[in-house]
Amino acid sequence: MEQELSAQIMKWHEDNEHQQIVDTLMKIPPADRDYDMIISMGRAYNNLSLYEKALEQFALIAEQGKNDPLWYFRVGYS
């Protein structure tokens, strides 16, 4: 994920603007979303209490996530 977008997502997360994260990342074609974007979208869905949608996102990156402890945490939270 580009640094500017990453910084903006972090700010929105800190400001509890989770829908803004989802709305912004949904504008990016699914094929162009990287691991960090999908993790951020799943985290935002969790924070919006949309756990099924979060799990759908995390399932997309299950293979990559198997070496990421935060992936397991977020899936468990969902």
C-alpha atoms as a PDB file:
ATOM      1  CA  MET A   1       0.000   0.000   0.000  1.00  0.00           C
ATOM      2  CA  GLU A   2       1.315   3.419  -0.820  1.00  0.00           C
ATOM      3  CA  GLN A   3       2.599   5.393   2.134  1.00  0.00           C
ATOM      4  CA  GLU A   4       0.146   8.288   1.803  1.00  0.00           C
ATOM      5  CA  LEU A   5      -2.895   5.989   1.781  1.00  0.00           C
ATOM      6  CA  SER A   6      -1.489   4.006   4.684  1.00  0.00           C
ATOM      7  CA  ALA A   7      -1.059   7.179   6.753  1.00  0.00           C
ATOM      8  CA  GLN A   8      -4.595   8.319   5.922  1.00  0.00           C
ATOM      9  CA  ILE A   9      -6.054   4.945   6.904  1.00  0.00           C
ATOM     10  CA  MET A  10      -4.172   5.081  10.203  1.00  0.00           C
ATOM     11  CA  LYS A  11      -5.599   8.553  10.890  1.00  0.00           C
ATOM     12  CA  TRP A  12      -9.136   7.451  10.077  1.00  0.00           C
ATOM     13  CA  HIS A  13      -8.680   4.444  12.352  1.00  0.00           C
ATOM     14  CA  GLU A  14      -7.521   6.661  15.218  1.00  0.00           C
ATOM     15  CA  ASP A  15     -10.471   9.016  14.570  1.00  0.00           C
ATOM     16  CA  ASN A  16     -12.966   6.100  14.526  1.00  0.00           C
ATOM     17  CA  GLU A  17     -13.863   6.855  10.911  1.00  0.00           C
ATOM     18  CA  HIS A  18     -14.000   3.198   9.929  1.00  0.00           C
ATOM     19  CA  GLN A  19     -16.658   3.619   7.236  1.00  0.00           C
ATOM     20  CA  GLN A  20     -14.329   6.074   5.479  1.00  0.00           C
ATOM     21  CA  ILE A  21     -11.678   3.335   5.348  1.00  0.00           C
ATOM     22  CA  VAL A  22     -14.122   0.876   3.805  1.00  0.00           C
ATOM     23  CA  ASP A  23     -15.483   3.428   1.333  1.00  0.00           C
ATOM     24  CA  THR A  24     -12.002   4.413   0.174  1.00  0.00           C
ATOM     25  CA  LEU A  25     -10.688   0.877  -0.176  1.00  0.00           C
ATOM     26  CA  MET A  26     -13.830  -0.282  -2.008  1.00  0.00           C
ATOM     27  CA  LYS A  27     -12.970   2.213  -4.777  1.00  0.00           C
ATOM     28  CA  ILE A  28      -9.826   0.196  -5.479  1.00  0.00           C
ATOM     29  CA  PRO A  29     -10.492  -2.793  -7.745  1.00  0.00           C
ATOM     30  CA  PRO A  30     -10.261  -6.072  -5.785  1.00  0.00           C
ATOM     31  CA  ALA A  31      -7.420  -7.327  -7.982  1.00  0.00           C
ATOM     32  CA  ASP A  32      -5.378  -4.225  -7.073  1.00  0.00           C
ATOM     33  CA  ARG A  33      -5.803  -4.514  -3.296  1.00  0.00           C
ATOM     34  CA  ASP A  34      -2.733  -5.759  -1.478  1.00  0.00           C
ATOM     35  CA  TYR A  35      -2.451  -7.604   1.830  1.00  0.00           C
ATOM     36  CA  ASP A  36      -2.316  -4.417   3.914  1.00  0.00           C
ATOM     37  CA  MET A  37      -5.380  -2.965   2.213  1.00  0.00           C
ATOM     38  CA  ILE A  38      -7.384  -6.117   2.835  1.00  0.00           C
ATOM     39  CA  ILE A  39      -6.231  -6.284   6.462  1.00  0.00           C
ATOM     40  CA  SER A  40      -7.250  -2.638   6.899  1.00  0.00           C
ATOM     41  CA  MET A  41     -10.653  -3.274   5.371  1.00  0.00           C
ATOM     42  CA  GLY A  42     -11.221  -6.303   7.580  1.00  0.00           C
ATOM     43  CA  ARG A  43     -10.185  -4.346  10.664  1.00  0.00           C
ATOM     44  CA  ALA A  44     -12.560  -1.532   9.697  1.00  0.00           C
ATOM     45  CA  TYR A  45     -15.412  -4.011   9.245  1.00  0.00           C
ATOM     46  CA  ASN A  46     -14.643  -5.451  12.686  1.00  0.00           C
ATOM     47  CA  ASN A  47     -14.811  -1.969  14.164  1.00  0.00           C
ATOM     48  CA  LEU A  48     -18.164  -1.445  12.447  1.00  0.00           C
ATOM     49  CA  SER A  49     -19.400  -4.746  13.982  1.00  0.00           C
ATOM     50  CA  LEU A  50     -19.686  -6.254  10.499  1.00  0.00           C
ATOM     51  CA  TYR A  51     -17.915  -9.467  11.448  1.00  0.00           C
ATOM     52  CA  GLU A  52     -19.063 -11.611   8.511  1.00  0.00           C
ATOM     53  CA  LYS A  53     -17.755  -9.020   6.053  1.00  0.00           C
ATOM     54  CA  ALA A  54     -14.495  -8.888   7.999  1.00  0.00           C
ATOM     55  CA  LEU A  55     -14.149 -12.669   7.803  1.00  0.00           C
ATOM     56  CA  GLU A  56     -14.773 -12.543   4.053  1.00  0.00           C
ATOM     57  CA  GLN A  57     -11.860 -10.134   3.694  1.00  0.00           C
ATOM     58  CA  PHE A  58      -9.549 -12.156   5.903  1.00  0.00           C
ATOM     59  CA  ALA A  59     -10.403 -15.322   3.963  1.00  0.00           C
ATOM     60  CA  LEU A  60      -9.055 -13.662   0.810  1.00  0.00           C
ATOM     61  CA  ILE A  61      -5.592 -13.510   2.358  1.00  0.00           C
ATOM     62  CA  ALA A  62      -5.618 -16.679   4.467  1.00  0.00           C
ATOM     63  CA  GLU A  63      -2.535 -18.104   2.772  1.00  0.00           C
ATOM     64  CA  GLN A  64      -0.531 -14.919   3.334  1.00  0.00           C
ATOM     65  CA  GLY A  65      -1.944 -14.522   6.829  1.00  0.00           C
ATOM     66  CA  LYS A  66      -0.747 -17.878   8.106  1.00  0.00           C
ATOM     67  CA  ASN A  67       2.567 -16.260   9.091  1.00  0.00           C
ATOM     68  CA  ASP A  68       1.007 -13.118  10.576  1.00  0.00           C
ATOM     69  CA  PRO A  69      -0.079 -13.299  14.239  1.00  0.00           C
ATOM     70  CA  LEU A  70      -2.289 -10.214  13.767  1.00  0.00           C
ATOM     71  CA  TRP A  71      -4.210 -12.017  11.018  1.00  0.00           C
ATOM     72  CA  TYR A  72      -5.078 -14.786  13.504  1.00  0.00           C
ATOM     73  CA  PHE A  73      -6.044 -12.234  16.148  1.00  0.00           C
ATOM     74  CA  ARG A  74      -8.340 -10.360  13.793  1.00  0.00           C
ATOM     75  CA  VAL A  75      -9.946 -13.550  12.497  1.00  0.00           C
ATOM     76  CA  GLY A  76     -10.521 -14.686  16.080  1.00  0.00           C
ATOM     77  CA  TYR A  77     -12.003 -11.300  16.961  1.00  0.00           C
ATOM     78  CA  SER A  78     -14.367 -11.557  14.012  1.00  0.00           C
END
